[in-house]
């Protein structure tokens, strides 16, 4: 039974996020007088979650398994590569190599 539930874990996560978003929109539409206040608080909360998640990105280290592509960029342009780091300690180990 547990294996069956774990198999649908990504779908359950997506359904949970969509449920939260639609519930938030429903509440905002019902609160006519405080709709702007509540929606702005929701946007600040969403922005803080995005900032928290993006702080875990290692912006300096190239991805280990990335495929080298031919240089098709314009002179002076910047190419970004991302890799996730689980802890600051792991980031220090990578930079020491």
C-alpha atoms as a PDB file:
ATOM      1  CA  UNK A   1       0.000   0.000   0.000  1.00  0.00           C
ATOM      2  CA  UNK A   2       2.812   2.426   0.913  1.00  0.00           C
ATOM      3  CA  UNK A   3       4.683   1.670  -2.326  1.00  0.00           C
ATOM      4  CA  UNK A   4       1.578   2.587  -4.293  1.00  0.00           C
ATOM      5  CA  UNK A   5       1.328   5.957  -2.536  1.00  0.00           C
ATOM      6  CA  UNK A   6       5.048   6.684  -2.985  1.00  0.00           C
ATOM      7  CA  UNK A   7       4.741   5.983  -6.691  1.00  0.00           C
ATOM      8  CA  UNK A   8       2.362   8.950  -7.053  1.00  0.00           C
ATOM      9  CA  UNK A   9       4.388  11.287  -4.828  1.00  0.00           C
ATOM     10  CA  UNK A  10       5.147  13.912  -7.535  1.00  0.00           C
ATOM     11  CA  UNK A  11       1.499  13.955  -8.588  1.00  0.00           C
ATOM     12  CA  UNK A  12       0.366  14.345  -4.988  1.00  0.00           C
ATOM     13  CA  UNK A  13       2.806  17.218  -4.486  1.00  0.00           C
ATOM     14  CA  UNK A  14       1.547  18.982  -7.595  1.00  0.00           C
ATOM     15  CA  UNK A  15      -2.056  18.446  -6.533  1.00  0.00           C
ATOM     16  CA  UNK A  16      -1.255  19.880  -3.099  1.00  0.00           C
ATOM     17  CA  UNK A  17       0.363  22.998  -4.543  1.00  0.00           C
ATOM     18  CA  UNK A  18      -2.535  23.555  -6.951  1.00  0.00           C
ATOM     19  CA  UNK A  19      -5.013  23.093  -4.105  1.00  0.00           C
ATOM     20  CA  UNK A  20      -3.202  25.748  -2.055  1.00  0.00           C
ATOM     21  CA  UNK A  21      -3.109  28.189  -4.981  1.00  0.00           C
ATOM     22  CA  UNK A  22      -6.795  27.769  -5.859  1.00  0.00           C
ATOM     23  CA  UNK A  23      -7.798  27.963  -2.183  1.00  0.00           C
ATOM     24  CA  UNK A  24      -5.832  31.198  -1.834  1.00  0.00           C
ATOM     25  CA  UNK A  25      -7.508  32.649  -4.928  1.00  0.00           C
ATOM     26  CA  UNK A  26     -10.935  31.623  -3.647  1.00  0.00           C
ATOM     27  CA  UNK A  27     -10.328  33.303  -0.282  1.00  0.00           C
ATOM     28  CA  UNK A  28      -9.011  36.484  -1.933  1.00  0.00           C
ATOM     29  CA  UNK A  29     -12.074  36.697  -4.163  1.00  0.00           C
ATOM     30  CA  UNK A  30     -14.378  36.227  -1.170  1.00  0.00           C
ATOM     31  CA  UNK A  31     -12.667  38.997   0.834  1.00  0.00           C
ATOM     32  CA  UNK A  32     -13.845  41.976  -1.151  1.00  0.00           C
ATOM     33  CA  UNK A  33     -12.744  44.658   1.311  1.00  0.00           C
ATOM     34  CA  UNK A  34      -9.362  43.141   2.173  1.00  0.00           C
ATOM     35  CA  UNK A  35      -8.540  41.529  -1.178  1.00  0.00           C
ATOM     36  CA  UNK A  36      -5.592  43.814  -1.939  1.00  0.00           C
ATOM     37  CA  UNK A  37      -4.086  43.382   1.518  1.00  0.00           C
ATOM     38  CA  UNK A  38      -4.395  39.591   1.529  1.00  0.00           C
ATOM     39  CA  UNK A  39      -3.156  39.213  -2.048  1.00  0.00           C
ATOM     40  CA  UNK A  40      -0.105  41.384  -1.311  1.00  0.00           C
ATOM     41  CA  UNK A  41       0.667  39.310   1.772  1.00  0.00           C
ATOM     42  CA  UNK A  42       0.390  36.190  -0.397  1.00  0.00           C
ATOM     43  CA  UNK A  43       2.779  37.650  -2.961  1.00  0.00           C
ATOM     44  CA  UNK A  44       5.306  38.539  -0.258  1.00  0.00           C
ATOM     45  CA  UNK A  45       5.057  35.003   1.095  1.00  0.00           C
ATOM     46  CA  UNK A  46       5.536  33.503  -2.380  1.00  0.00           C
ATOM     47  CA  UNK A  47       8.525  35.757  -3.039  1.00  0.00           C
ATOM     48  CA  UNK A  48      10.106  34.781   0.279  1.00  0.00           C
ATOM     49  CA  UNK A  49       9.715  31.081  -0.590  1.00  0.00           C
ATOM     50  CA  UNK A  50      11.374  31.634  -3.974  1.00  0.00           C
ATOM     51  CA  UNK A  51      14.206  33.562  -2.314  1.00  0.00           C
ATOM     52  CA  UNK A  52      14.681  30.818   0.271  1.00  0.00           C
ATOM     53  CA  UNK A  53      14.802  28.101  -2.398  1.00  0.00           C
ATOM     54  CA  UNK A  54      17.147  30.080  -4.641  1.00  0.00           C
ATOM     55  CA  UNK A  55      19.555  30.667  -1.758  1.00  0.00           C
ATOM     56  CA  UNK A  56      20.316  26.926  -1.890  1.00  0.00           C
ATOM     57  CA  UNK A  57      21.590  27.233  -5.484  1.00  0.00           C
ATOM     58  CA  UNK A  58      25.327  27.122  -6.035  1.00  0.00           C
ATOM     59  CA  UNK A  59      25.780  29.870  -8.595  1.00  0.00           C
ATOM     60  CA  UNK A  60      29.567  29.568  -8.878  1.00  0.00           C
ATOM     61  CA  UNK A  61      30.257  25.881  -9.534  1.00  0.00           C
ATOM     62  CA  UNK A  62      29.554  24.416 -12.984  1.00  0.00           C
ATOM     63  CA  UNK A  63      27.401  21.317 -13.150  1.00  0.00           C
ATOM     64  CA  UNK A  64      29.556  18.171 -13.081  1.00  0.00           C
ATOM     65  CA  UNK A  65      27.522  16.247 -15.666  1.00  0.00           C
ATOM     66  CA  UNK A  66      26.884  19.132 -18.028  1.00  0.00           C
ATOM     67  CA  UNK A  67      27.480  18.622 -21.722  1.00  0.00           C
ATOM     68  CA  UNK A  68      29.851  21.071 -23.342  1.00  0.00           C
ATOM     69  CA  UNK A  69      28.049  22.826 -26.139  1.00  0.00           C
ATOM     70  CA  UNK A  70      29.665  24.691 -29.000  1.00  0.00           C
ATOM     71  CA  UNK A  71      30.093  28.403 -28.410  1.00  0.00           C
ATOM     72  CA  UNK A  72      27.071  29.984 -30.056  1.00  0.00           C
ATOM     73  CA  UNK A  73      26.920  33.025 -27.795  1.00  0.00           C
ATOM     74  CA  UNK A  74      27.515  36.580 -28.803  1.00  0.00           C
ATOM     75  CA  UNK A  75      30.696  38.307 -27.656  1.00  0.00           C
ATOM     76  CA  UNK A  76      30.245  39.695 -24.169  1.00  0.00           C
ATOM     77  CA  UNK A  77      27.254  37.495 -23.276  1.00  0.00           C
ATOM     78  CA  UNK A  78      27.132  35.375 -20.111  1.00  0.00           C
ATOM     79  CA  UNK A  79      26.208  31.680 -19.816  1.00  0.00           C
ATOM     80  CA  UNK A  80      24.858  30.492 -16.457  1.00  0.00           C
ATOM     81  CA  UNK A  81      24.952  26.918 -15.151  1.00  0.00           C
ATOM     82  CA  UNK A  82      23.282  25.785 -11.950  1.00  0.00           C
ATOM     83  CA  UNK A  83      23.902  23.007  -9.455  1.00  0.00           C
ATOM     84  CA  UNK A  84      22.127  22.353  -6.176  1.00  0.00           C
ATOM     85  CA  UNK A  85      24.085  22.170  -2.949  1.00  0.00           C
ATOM     86  CA  UNK A  86      22.512  20.492   0.048  1.00  0.00           C
ATOM     87  CA  UNK A  87      24.569  22.274   2.705  1.00  0.00           C
ATOM     88  CA  UNK A  88      27.119  25.090   3.030  1.00  0.00           C
ATOM     89  CA  UNK A  89      29.666  22.499   4.216  1.00  0.00           C
ATOM     90  CA  UNK A  90      29.363  20.642   0.902  1.00  0.00           C
ATOM     91  CA  UNK A  91      29.883  23.926  -0.932  1.00  0.00           C
ATOM     92  CA  UNK A  92      33.162  24.485   0.926  1.00  0.00           C
ATOM     93  CA  UNK A  93      34.309  20.958   0.038  1.00  0.00           C
ATOM     94  CA  UNK A  94      33.650  21.610  -3.652  1.00  0.00           C
ATOM     95  CA  UNK A  95      35.506  24.915  -3.610  1.00  0.00           C
ATOM     96  CA  UNK A  96      38.505  23.264  -1.895  1.00  0.00           C
ATOM     97  CA  UNK A  97      38.969  20.807  -4.773  1.00  0.00           C
END
